[in-house]
Every structure is written in structure tokens, then in C-alpha cells.
Amino acid sequence: MKRPASIVPWREHMWEVDVFGGNNAGLVIAEIELHHEDERFERPPWLGAEITGQSQYYNGSLARHPFRHWATAQPVTAAG
């Protein structure tokens, strides 16, 4: 279960922040839309680890193997 995303402005960009509940409670993912792949941006101080391309964070993967079942499940803020 994922709550509706919050839009968080930071510098010249908007971040879409997803807070998960249910079997994925404790997982928070922040996404930024860039104008081009090589665009530079300042990372907010609240941003966690980069998760782009890590398939365990894809919605389908989270449905099959929820965050609460991960061996190191703990509150996480991630960027993707």
C-alpha cells in the first residue's frame, strides 16, 4: 500500500515523495524528474541512498517481496 505522493520543492526541482504502508511500512522513496539524464541538481539533506535501477524497489517487486520481509527491514528513505 502506498499513500498518495507528496510533492516537496527543493531548489529548482520538485520531488515526489512516496510513503508506503501495510507490508511496506517504513519505506519512503523520493523521486525527481530531470529535464535530461545529465542534469545536475543539489541533493536535499534529507535524501537517503540512491536506488535507481535496484529492482527490489519496483512496485511489482514490493508486491511480491514486501519491505517488512527484508532481512534488514528498518525505516529507510531512498532516492530513485
C-alpha atoms as a PDB file:
ATOM      1  CA  MET A   1       0.000   0.000   0.000  1.00  0.00           C
ATOM      2  CA  LYS A   2       1.290   3.428  -0.933  1.00  0.00           C
ATOM      3  CA  ARG A   3      -0.202   6.701   0.213  1.00  0.00           C
ATOM      4  CA  PRO A   4      -0.685   9.471  -2.359  1.00  0.00           C
ATOM      5  CA  ALA A   5       2.666  11.070  -3.144  1.00  0.00           C
ATOM      6  CA  SER A   6       3.622  14.369  -1.589  1.00  0.00           C
ATOM      7  CA  ILE A   7       5.305  16.991  -3.750  1.00  0.00           C
ATOM      8  CA  VAL A   8       8.279  18.575  -1.993  1.00  0.00           C
ATOM      9  CA  PRO A   9      10.028  21.567  -3.599  1.00  0.00           C
ATOM     10  CA  TRP A  10      13.812  21.748  -3.237  1.00  0.00           C
ATOM     11  CA  ARG A  11      15.820  24.406  -5.024  1.00  0.00           C
ATOM     12  CA  GLU A  12      14.774  24.396  -8.706  1.00  0.00           C
ATOM     13  CA  HIS A  13      13.169  20.926  -8.631  1.00  0.00           C
ATOM     14  CA  MET A  14      10.126  19.153  -7.280  1.00  0.00           C
ATOM     15  CA  TRP A  15      10.495  15.816  -5.510  1.00  0.00           C
ATOM     16  CA  GLU A  16       7.702  13.253  -5.438  1.00  0.00           C
ATOM     17  CA  VAL A  17       7.862  11.510  -2.061  1.00  0.00           C
ATOM     18  CA  ASP A  18       6.082   8.176  -1.617  1.00  0.00           C
ATOM     19  CA  VAL A  19       5.416   6.905   1.925  1.00  0.00           C
ATOM     20  CA  PHE A  20       4.492   3.228   1.997  1.00  0.00           C
ATOM     21  CA  GLY A  21       2.230   1.493   4.482  1.00  0.00           C
ATOM     22  CA  GLY A  22       0.953  -2.029   5.053  1.00  0.00           C
ATOM     23  CA  ASN A  23       3.560  -4.688   4.267  1.00  0.00           C
ATOM     24  CA  ASN A  24       5.918  -1.966   3.024  1.00  0.00           C
ATOM     25  CA  ALA A  25       5.570   0.338   6.055  1.00  0.00           C
ATOM     26  CA  GLY A  26       8.783   2.157   6.877  1.00  0.00           C
ATOM     27  CA  LEU A  27       9.803   2.597   3.245  1.00  0.00           C
ATOM     28  CA  VAL A  28       9.941   6.142   1.858  1.00  0.00           C
ATOM     29  CA  ILE A  29      11.047   6.789  -1.722  1.00  0.00           C
ATOM     30  CA  ALA A  30      11.765  10.208  -3.226  1.00  0.00           C
ATOM     31  CA  GLU A  31      11.862  10.741  -6.985  1.00  0.00           C
ATOM     32  CA  ILE A  32      12.991  13.719  -9.015  1.00  0.00           C
ATOM     33  CA  GLU A  33      12.109  14.446 -12.628  1.00  0.00           C
ATOM     34  CA  LEU A  34      15.062  15.858 -14.523  1.00  0.00           C
ATOM     35  CA  HIS A  35      14.950  17.663 -17.858  1.00  0.00           C
ATOM     36  CA  HIS A  36      17.771  15.473 -19.189  1.00  0.00           C
ATOM     37  CA  GLU A  37      19.796  12.499 -17.953  1.00  0.00           C
ATOM     38  CA  ASP A  38      22.953  14.522 -17.197  1.00  0.00           C
ATOM     39  CA  GLU A  39      21.213  17.396 -15.423  1.00  0.00           C
ATOM     40  CA  ARG A  40      22.936  18.427 -12.224  1.00  0.00           C
ATOM     41  CA  PHE A  41      20.933  19.049  -9.061  1.00  0.00           C
ATOM     42  CA  GLU A  42      21.589  19.679  -5.401  1.00  0.00           C
ATOM     43  CA  ARG A  43      20.738  16.736  -3.147  1.00  0.00           C
ATOM     44  CA  PRO A  44      18.495  17.694  -0.239  1.00  0.00           C
ATOM     45  CA  PRO A  45      19.954  16.912   3.206  1.00  0.00           C
ATOM     46  CA  TRP A  46      17.051  14.536   3.920  1.00  0.00           C
ATOM     47  CA  LEU A  47      17.774  12.374   0.879  1.00  0.00           C
ATOM     48  CA  GLY A  48      18.998   8.841   1.547  1.00  0.00           C
ATOM     49  CA  ALA A  49      20.680   6.204  -0.587  1.00  0.00           C
ATOM     50  CA  GLU A  50      20.413   6.162  -4.378  1.00  0.00           C
ATOM     51  CA  ILE A  51      18.191   3.275  -5.518  1.00  0.00           C
ATOM     52  CA  THR A  52      17.782   3.952  -9.232  1.00  0.00           C
ATOM     53  CA  GLY A  53      17.808   0.646 -11.109  1.00  0.00           C
ATOM     54  CA  GLN A  54      17.541  -1.525  -7.974  1.00  0.00           C
ATOM     55  CA  SER A  55      14.696  -3.848  -8.869  1.00  0.00           C
ATOM     56  CA  GLN A  56      13.721  -4.719  -5.270  1.00  0.00           C
ATOM     57  CA  TYR A  57      12.244  -1.185  -5.032  1.00  0.00           C
ATOM     58  CA  TYR A  58       9.997  -1.558  -8.113  1.00  0.00           C
ATOM     59  CA  ASN A  59       6.285  -1.686  -7.277  1.00  0.00           C
ATOM     60  CA  GLY A  60       5.939  -5.241  -8.652  1.00  0.00           C
ATOM     61  CA  SER A  61       8.871  -6.439  -6.571  1.00  0.00           C
ATOM     62  CA  LEU A  62       7.498  -4.784  -3.431  1.00  0.00           C
ATOM     63  CA  ALA A  63       4.174  -6.543  -4.017  1.00  0.00           C
ATOM     64  CA  ARG A  64       5.868  -9.960  -4.291  1.00  0.00           C
ATOM     65  CA  HIS A  65       8.518  -9.426  -1.605  1.00  0.00           C
ATOM     66  CA  PRO A  66       7.351  -6.669   0.780  1.00  0.00           C
ATOM     67  CA  PHE A  67       9.775  -4.452   2.640  1.00  0.00           C
ATOM     68  CA  ARG A  68       8.748  -5.872   6.023  1.00  0.00           C
ATOM     69  CA  HIS A  69      10.158  -9.266   4.957  1.00  0.00           C
ATOM     70  CA  TRP A  70      13.581  -7.909   4.039  1.00  0.00           C
ATOM     71  CA  ALA A  71      16.256  -9.209   6.399  1.00  0.00           C
ATOM     72  CA  THR A  72      17.409  -5.688   7.313  1.00  0.00           C
ATOM     73  CA  ALA A  73      13.976  -4.066   7.317  1.00  0.00           C
ATOM     74  CA  GLN A  74      14.219  -0.751   9.121  1.00  0.00           C
ATOM     75  CA  PRO A  75      12.979   2.764   8.313  1.00  0.00           C
ATOM     76  CA  VAL A  76      14.569   3.810   5.036  1.00  0.00           C
ATOM     77  CA  THR A  77      14.477   6.977   2.982  1.00  0.00           C
ATOM     78  CA  ALA A  78      15.694   6.317  -0.515  1.00  0.00           C
ATOM     79  CA  ALA A  79      16.072   8.229  -3.756  1.00  0.00           C
ATOM     80  CA  GLY A  80      15.030   6.760  -7.032  1.00  0.00           C
END
